[in-house]
Amino acid sequence: MNSLLLTRFVDDRFVMIHNYNIIEGLGAEGIERTASTPDELADEIFNLFGIPVEISVEVFRKLGPLTDPWN
């Protein structure tokens, strides 16, 4: 059972990726969307966190299927 969680807080903004869910917010307002493929998720991680796509793809390969450990 593996899960991905990336979070960034800057001033009153936040970005969180939990598995394939992407949440961006400003103050108390948030927008949620879902990446549909690992490649799309890797692109989002690069755009939002600056982590190179190649590193994300390697991590996904080693993690295997992403699941929610709280369910």
PDB file of N, CA and C in Angstrom:
ATOM      1  N   MET A   1       0.855  -1.166   0.000  1.00  0.00           N
ATOM      2  CA  MET A   1       0.000   0.000   0.000  1.00  0.00           C
ATOM      3  C   MET A   1       0.906   1.236   0.000  1.00  0.00           C
ATOM      4  N   ASN A   2       0.893   1.984  -1.105  1.00  0.00           N
ATOM      5  CA  ASN A   2       1.747   3.161  -1.254  1.00  0.00           C
ATOM      6  C   ASN A   2       0.914   4.376  -1.589  1.00  0.00           C
ATOM      7  N   SER A   3       1.356   5.516  -1.084  1.00  0.00           N
ATOM      8  CA  SER A   3       0.639   6.760  -1.294  1.00  0.00           C
ATOM      9  C   SER A   3       1.637   7.877  -1.552  1.00  0.00           C
ATOM     10  N   LEU A   4       1.261   8.814  -2.407  1.00  0.00           N
ATOM     11  CA  LEU A   4       2.083   9.975  -2.718  1.00  0.00           C
ATOM     12  C   LEU A   4       1.451  11.200  -2.068  1.00  0.00           C
ATOM     13  N   LEU A   5       2.255  11.987  -1.354  1.00  0.00           N
ATOM     14  CA  LEU A   5       1.754  13.224  -0.760  1.00  0.00           C
ATOM     15  C   LEU A   5       2.840  14.288  -0.882  1.00  0.00           C
ATOM     16  N   LEU A   6       2.532  15.342  -1.622  1.00  0.00           N
ATOM     17  CA  LEU A   6       3.411  16.501  -1.754  1.00  0.00           C
ATOM     18  C   LEU A   6       2.602  17.727  -1.342  1.00  0.00           C
ATOM     19  N   THR A   7       3.184  18.588  -0.519  1.00  0.00           N
ATOM     20  CA  THR A   7       2.482  19.779  -0.064  1.00  0.00           C
ATOM     21  C   THR A   7       3.438  20.959  -0.052  1.00  0.00           C
ATOM     22  N   ARG A   8       2.937  22.117  -0.480  1.00  0.00           N
ATOM     23  CA  ARG A   8       3.724  23.347  -0.455  1.00  0.00           C
ATOM     24  C   ARG A   8       2.824  24.480   0.027  1.00  0.00           C
ATOM     25  N   PHE A   9       3.334  25.240   0.989  1.00  0.00           N
ATOM     26  CA  PHE A   9       2.647  26.435   1.482  1.00  0.00           C
ATOM     27  C   PHE A   9       3.526  27.639   1.209  1.00  0.00           C
ATOM     28  N   VAL A  10       2.946  28.683   0.597  1.00  0.00           N
ATOM     29  CA  VAL A  10       3.651  29.930   0.344  1.00  0.00           C
ATOM     30  C   VAL A  10       2.671  31.055   0.627  1.00  0.00           C
ATOM     31  N   ASP A  11       3.011  31.879   1.632  1.00  0.00           N
ATOM     32  CA  ASP A  11       2.131  32.969   2.054  1.00  0.00           C
ATOM     33  C   ASP A  11       0.725  32.423   2.296  1.00  0.00           C
ATOM     34  N   ASP A  12      -0.269  32.889   1.537  1.00  0.00           N
ATOM     35  CA  ASP A  12      -1.639  32.385   1.736  1.00  0.00           C
ATOM     36  C   ASP A  12      -2.057  31.396   0.652  1.00  0.00           C
ATOM     37  N   ARG A  13      -1.080  30.887  -0.102  1.00  0.00           N
ATOM     38  CA  ARG A  13      -1.348  29.884  -1.141  1.00  0.00           C
ATOM     39  C   ARG A  13      -0.895  28.515  -0.671  1.00  0.00           C
ATOM     40  N   PHE A  14      -1.541  27.483  -1.215  1.00  0.00           N
ATOM     41  CA  PHE A  14      -1.077  26.126  -0.958  1.00  0.00           C
ATOM     42  C   PHE A  14      -1.311  25.257  -2.187  1.00  0.00           C
ATOM     43  N   VAL A  15      -0.503  24.229  -2.303  1.00  0.00           N
ATOM     44  CA  VAL A  15      -0.645  23.214  -3.350  1.00  0.00           C
ATOM     45  C   VAL A  15      -0.447  21.866  -2.670  1.00  0.00           C
ATOM     46  N   MET A  16      -1.329  20.925  -2.954  1.00  0.00           N
ATOM     47  CA  MET A  16      -1.197  19.588  -2.398  1.00  0.00           C
ATOM     48  C   MET A  16      -1.509  18.565  -3.482  1.00  0.00           C
ATOM     49  N   ILE A  17      -0.664  17.566  -3.579  1.00  0.00           N
ATOM     50  CA  ILE A  17      -0.924  16.420  -4.454  1.00  0.00           C
ATOM     51  C   ILE A  17      -0.993  15.196  -3.557  1.00  0.00           C
ATOM     52  N   HIS A  18      -2.125  14.527  -3.607  1.00  0.00           N
ATOM     53  CA  HIS A  18      -2.300  13.275  -2.874  1.00  0.00           C
ATOM     54  C   HIS A  18      -2.713  12.234  -3.900  1.00  0.00           C
ATOM     55  N   ASN A  19      -1.783  11.321  -4.182  1.00  0.00           N
ATOM     56  CA  ASN A  19      -1.946  10.351  -5.261  1.00  0.00           C
ATOM     57  C   ASN A  19      -2.233  11.105  -6.554  1.00  0.00           C
ATOM     58  N   TYR A  20      -3.379  10.945  -7.164  1.00  0.00           N
ATOM     59  CA  TYR A  20      -3.659  11.621  -8.434  1.00  0.00           C
ATOM     60  C   TYR A  20      -4.485  12.903  -8.252  1.00  0.00           C
ATOM     61  N   ASN A  21      -4.833  13.244  -7.016  1.00  0.00           N
ATOM     62  CA  ASN A  21      -5.629  14.448  -6.744  1.00  0.00           C
ATOM     63  C   ASN A  21      -4.722  15.645  -6.542  1.00  0.00           C
ATOM     64  N   ILE A  22      -5.062  16.743  -7.194  1.00  0.00           N
ATOM     65  CA  ILE A  22      -4.284  17.975  -7.120  1.00  0.00           C
ATOM     66  C   ILE A  22      -5.206  19.055  -6.567  1.00  0.00           C
ATOM     67  N   ILE A  23      -4.783  19.673  -5.463  1.00  0.00           N
ATOM     68  CA  ILE A  23      -5.582  20.724  -4.847  1.00  0.00           C
ATOM     69  C   ILE A  23      -4.715  21.972  -4.766  1.00  0.00           C
ATOM     70  N   GLU A  24      -5.219  23.067  -5.331  1.00  0.00           N
ATOM     71  CA  GLU A  24      -4.546  24.360  -5.254  1.00  0.00           C
ATOM     72  C   GLU A  24      -5.488  25.320  -4.559  1.00  0.00           C
ATOM     73  N   GLY A  25      -4.937  26.133  -3.671  1.00  0.00           N
ATOM     74  CA  GLY A  25      -5.807  27.036  -2.945  1.00  0.00           C
ATOM     75  C   GLY A  25      -5.179  28.377  -2.659  1.00  0.00           C
ATOM     76  N   LEU A  26      -6.064  29.312  -2.394  1.00  0.00           N
ATOM     77  CA  LEU A  26      -5.677  30.660  -1.996  1.00  0.00           C
ATOM     78  C   LEU A  26      -6.559  31.015  -0.816  1.00  0.00           C
ATOM     79  N   GLY A  27      -5.948  31.170   0.352  1.00  0.00           N
ATOM     80  CA  GLY A  27      -6.736  31.408   1.556  1.00  0.00           C
ATOM     81  C   GLY A  27      -7.583  30.186   1.861  1.00  0.00           C
ATOM     82  N   ALA A  28      -8.884  30.404   2.024  1.00  0.00           N
ATOM     83  CA  ALA A  28      -9.797  29.292   2.345  1.00  0.00           C
ATOM     84  C   ALA A  28     -10.408  28.658   1.095  1.00  0.00           C
ATOM     85  N   GLU A  29     -10.127  29.202  -0.074  1.00  0.00           N
ATOM     86  CA  GLU A  29     -10.695  28.695  -1.323  1.00  0.00           C
ATOM     87  C   GLU A  29      -9.740  27.691  -1.962  1.00  0.00           C
ATOM     88  N   GLY A  30     -10.293  26.595  -2.476  1.00  0.00           N
ATOM     89  CA  GLY A  30      -9.471  25.589  -3.128  1.00  0.00           C
ATOM     90  C   GLY A  30     -10.115  25.055  -4.388  1.00  0.00           C
ATOM     91  N   ILE A  31      -9.286  24.643  -5.313  1.00  0.00           N
ATOM     92  CA  ILE A  31      -9.739  24.028  -6.555  1.00  0.00           C
ATOM     93  C   ILE A  31      -9.099  22.650  -6.623  1.00  0.00           C
ATOM     94  N   GLU A  32      -9.905  21.636  -6.865  1.00  0.00           N
ATOM     95  CA  GLU A  32      -9.403  20.264  -6.932  1.00  0.00           C
ATOM     96  C   GLU A  32      -9.590  19.719  -8.338  1.00  0.00           C
ATOM     97  N   ARG A  33      -8.571  19.012  -8.806  1.00  0.00           N
ATOM     98  CA  ARG A  33      -8.662  18.315 -10.090  1.00  0.00           C
ATOM     99  C   ARG A  33      -7.894  17.010  -9.958  1.00  0.00           C
ATOM    100  N   THR A  34      -8.044  16.151 -10.937  1.00  0.00           N
ATOM    101  CA  THR A  34      -7.412  14.838 -10.881  1.00  0.00           C
ATOM    102  C   THR A  34      -6.603  14.601 -12.145  1.00  0.00           C
ATOM    103  N   ALA A  35      -5.357  14.171 -11.968  1.00  0.00           N
ATOM    104  CA  ALA A  35      -4.539  13.741 -13.104  1.00  0.00           C
ATOM    105  C   ALA A  35      -5.034  12.361 -13.522  1.00  0.00           C
ATOM    106  N   SER A  36      -5.079  12.112 -14.814  1.00  0.00           N
ATOM    107  CA  SER A  36      -5.640  10.848 -15.280  1.00  0.00           C
ATOM    108  C   SER A  36      -4.592   9.778 -15.595  1.00  0.00           C
ATOM    109  N   THR A  37      -3.338  10.186 -15.739  1.00  0.00           N
ATOM    110  CA  THR A  37      -2.278   9.220 -16.049  1.00  0.00           C
ATOM    111  C   THR A  37      -1.027   9.562 -15.241  1.00  0.00           C
ATOM    112  N   PRO A  38      -0.128   8.604 -15.065  1.00  0.00           N
ATOM    113  CA  PRO A  38       1.130   8.909 -14.387  1.00  0.00           C
ATOM    114  C   PRO A  38       1.939   9.996 -15.100  1.00  0.00           C
ATOM    115  N   ASP A  39       1.906   9.999 -16.428  1.00  0.00           N
ATOM    116  CA  ASP A  39       2.630  11.033 -17.174  1.00  0.00           C
ATOM    117  C   ASP A  39       2.057  12.420 -16.907  1.00  0.00           C
ATOM    118  N   GLU A  40       0.737  12.517 -16.875  1.00  0.00           N
ATOM    119  CA  GLU A  40       0.092  13.795 -16.575  1.00  0.00           C
ATOM    120  C   GLU A  40       0.442  14.233 -15.144  1.00  0.00           C
ATOM    121  N   LEU A  41       0.447  13.286 -14.214  1.00  0.00           N
ATOM    122  CA  LEU A  41       0.803  13.589 -12.836  1.00  0.00           C
ATOM    123  C   LEU A  41       2.251  14.069 -12.744  1.00  0.00           C
ATOM    124  N   ALA A  42       3.158  13.426 -13.448  1.00  0.00           N
ATOM    125  CA  ALA A  42       4.563  13.833 -13.453  1.00  0.00           C
ATOM    126  C   ALA A  42       4.716  15.251 -13.996  1.00  0.00           C
ATOM    127  N   ASP A  43       3.961  15.591 -15.038  1.00  0.00           N
ATOM    128  CA  ASP A  43       3.989  16.954 -15.583  1.00  0.00           C
ATOM    129  C   ASP A  43       3.478  17.967 -14.555  1.00  0.00           C
ATOM    130  N   GLU A  44       2.396  17.632 -13.856  1.00  0.00           N
ATOM    131  CA  GLU A  44       1.848  18.518 -12.826  1.00  0.00           C
ATOM    132  C   GLU A  44       2.859  18.719 -11.696  1.00  0.00           C
ATOM    133  N   ILE A  45       3.527  17.639 -11.280  1.00  0.00           N
ATOM    134  CA  ILE A  45       4.528  17.737 -10.221  1.00  0.00           C
ATOM    135  C   ILE A  45       5.665  18.655 -10.657  1.00  0.00           C
ATOM    136  N   PHE A  46       6.085  18.536 -11.912  1.00  0.00           N
ATOM    137  CA  PHE A  46       7.132  19.424 -12.418  1.00  0.00           C
ATOM    138  C   PHE A  46       6.660  20.875 -12.413  1.00  0.00           C
ATOM    139  N   ASN A  47       5.459  21.118 -12.916  1.00  0.00           N
ATOM    140  CA  ASN A  47       4.947  22.494 -13.004  1.00  0.00           C
ATOM    141  C   ASN A  47       4.723  23.123 -11.634  1.00  0.00           C
ATOM    142  N   LEU A  48       4.278  22.349 -10.662  1.00  0.00           N
ATOM    143  CA  LEU A  48       3.923  22.896  -9.357  1.00  0.00           C
ATOM    144  C   LEU A  48       5.058  22.851  -8.330  1.00  0.00           C
ATOM    145  N   PHE A  49       5.951  21.850  -8.445  1.00  0.00           N
ATOM    146  CA  PHE A  49       6.996  21.674  -7.443  1.00  0.00           C
ATOM    147  C   PHE A  49       8.409  21.754  -8.015  1.00  0.00           C
ATOM    148  N   GLY A  50       8.544  21.721  -9.337  1.00  0.00           N
ATOM    149  CA  GLY A  50       9.864  21.797  -9.954  1.00  0.00           C
ATOM    150  C   GLY A  50      10.653  20.501  -9.919  1.00  0.00           C
ATOM    151  N   ILE A  51      10.005  19.400  -9.571  1.00  0.00           N
ATOM    152  CA  ILE A  51      10.686  18.102  -9.540  1.00  0.00           C
ATOM    153  C   ILE A  51      10.707  17.546 -10.965  1.00  0.00           C
ATOM    154  N   PRO A  52      11.885  17.219 -11.493  1.00  0.00           N
ATOM    155  CA  PRO A  52      11.969  16.750 -12.882  1.00  0.00           C
ATOM    156  C   PRO A  52      11.075  15.535 -13.144  1.00  0.00           C
ATOM    157  N   VAL A  53      10.491  15.511 -14.330  1.00  0.00           N
ATOM    158  CA  VAL A  53       9.581  14.443 -14.741  1.00  0.00           C
ATOM    159  C   VAL A  53      10.249  13.076 -14.614  1.00  0.00           C
ATOM    160  N   GLU A  54      11.513  12.974 -15.003  1.00  0.00           N
ATOM    161  CA  GLU A  54      12.211  11.697 -14.967  1.00  0.00           C
ATOM    162  C   GLU A  54      12.267  11.126 -13.542  1.00  0.00           C
ATOM    163  N   ILE A  55      12.438  12.011 -12.557  1.00  0.00           N
ATOM    164  CA  ILE A  55      12.489  11.555 -11.160  1.00  0.00           C
ATOM    165  C   ILE A  55      11.118  11.060 -10.723  1.00  0.00           C
ATOM    166  N   SER A  56      10.063  11.807 -11.062  1.00  0.00           N
ATOM    167  CA  SER A  56       8.707  11.379 -10.696  1.00  0.00           C
ATOM    168  C   SER A  56       8.375  10.035 -11.329  1.00  0.00           C
ATOM    169  N   VAL A  57       8.706   9.854 -12.591  1.00  0.00           N
ATOM    170  CA  VAL A  57       8.415   8.596 -13.281  1.00  0.00           C
ATOM    171  C   VAL A  57       9.148   7.438 -12.605  1.00  0.00           C
ATOM    172  N   GLU A  58      10.397   7.653 -12.212  1.00  0.00           N
ATOM    173  CA  GLU A  58      11.164   6.606 -11.516  1.00  0.00           C
ATOM    174  C   GLU A  58      10.527   6.276 -10.162  1.00  0.00           C
ATOM    175  N   VAL A  59      10.087   7.287  -9.441  1.00  0.00           N
ATOM    176  CA  VAL A  59       9.423   7.057  -8.152  1.00  0.00           C
ATOM    177  C   VAL A  59       8.132   6.265  -8.352  1.00  0.00           C
ATOM    178  N   PHE A  60       7.322   6.646  -9.348  1.00  0.00           N
ATOM    179  CA  PHE A  60       6.072   5.919  -9.619  1.00  0.00           C
ATOM    180  C   PHE A  60       6.364   4.446  -9.926  1.00  0.00           C
ATOM    181  N   ARG A  61       7.425   4.208 -10.700  1.00  0.00           N
ATOM    182  CA  ARG A  61       7.789   2.834 -11.063  1.00  0.00           C
ATOM    183  C   ARG A  61       8.121   2.018  -9.812  1.00  0.00           C
ATOM    184  N   LYS A  62       8.847   2.640  -8.876  1.00  0.00           N
ATOM    185  CA  LYS A  62       9.238   1.927  -7.656  1.00  0.00           C
ATOM    186  C   LYS A  62       8.085   1.793  -6.664  1.00  0.00           C
ATOM    187  N   LEU A  63       7.193   2.771  -6.621  1.00  0.00           N
ATOM    188  CA  LEU A  63       6.072   2.712  -5.683  1.00  0.00           C
ATOM    189  C   LEU A  63       5.025   1.692  -6.081  1.00  0.00           C
ATOM    190  N   GLY A  64       4.802   1.556  -7.372  1.00  0.00           N
ATOM    191  CA  GLY A  64       3.710   0.697  -7.825  1.00  0.00           C
ATOM    192  C   GLY A  64       2.387   1.446  -7.727  1.00  0.00           C
ATOM    193  N   PRO A  65       1.272   0.720  -7.647  1.00  0.00           N
ATOM    194  CA  PRO A  65      -0.043   1.375  -7.611  1.00  0.00           C
ATOM    195  C   PRO A  65      -0.186   2.276  -6.383  1.00  0.00           C
ATOM    196  N   LEU A  66      -0.725   3.481  -6.610  1.00  0.00           N
ATOM    197  CA  LEU A  66      -0.966   4.410  -5.509  1.00  0.00           C
ATOM    198  C   LEU A  66      -2.329   4.144  -4.895  1.00  0.00           C
ATOM    199  N   THR A  67      -2.364   3.995  -3.582  1.00  0.00           N
ATOM    200  CA  THR A  67      -3.609   3.746  -2.877  1.00  0.00           C
ATOM    201  C   THR A  67      -3.704   4.684  -1.692  1.00  0.00           C
ATOM    202  N   ASP A  68      -4.882   4.787  -1.127  1.00  0.00           N
ATOM    203  CA  ASP A  68      -5.105   5.624   0.046  1.00  0.00           C
ATOM    204  C   ASP A  68      -4.960   4.767   1.287  1.00  0.00           C
ATOM    205  N   PRO A  69      -3.919   4.970   2.093  1.00  0.00           N
ATOM    206  CA  PRO A  69      -3.695   4.116   3.258  1.00  0.00           C
ATOM    207  C   PRO A  69      -4.747   4.298   4.348  1.00  0.00           C
ATOM    208  N   TRP A  70      -5.567   5.345   4.283  1.00  0.00           N
ATOM    209  CA  TRP A  70      -6.567   5.605   5.310  1.00  0.00           C
ATOM    210  C   TRP A  70      -7.895   4.944   5.001  1.00  0.00           C
ATOM    211  N   ASN A  71      -8.009   4.287   3.867  1.00  0.00           N
ATOM    212  CA  ASN A  71      -9.265   3.587   3.525  1.00  0.00           C
ATOM    213  C   ASN A  71      -9.130   2.110   3.767  1.00  0.00           C
TER     214      ASN A  71
END
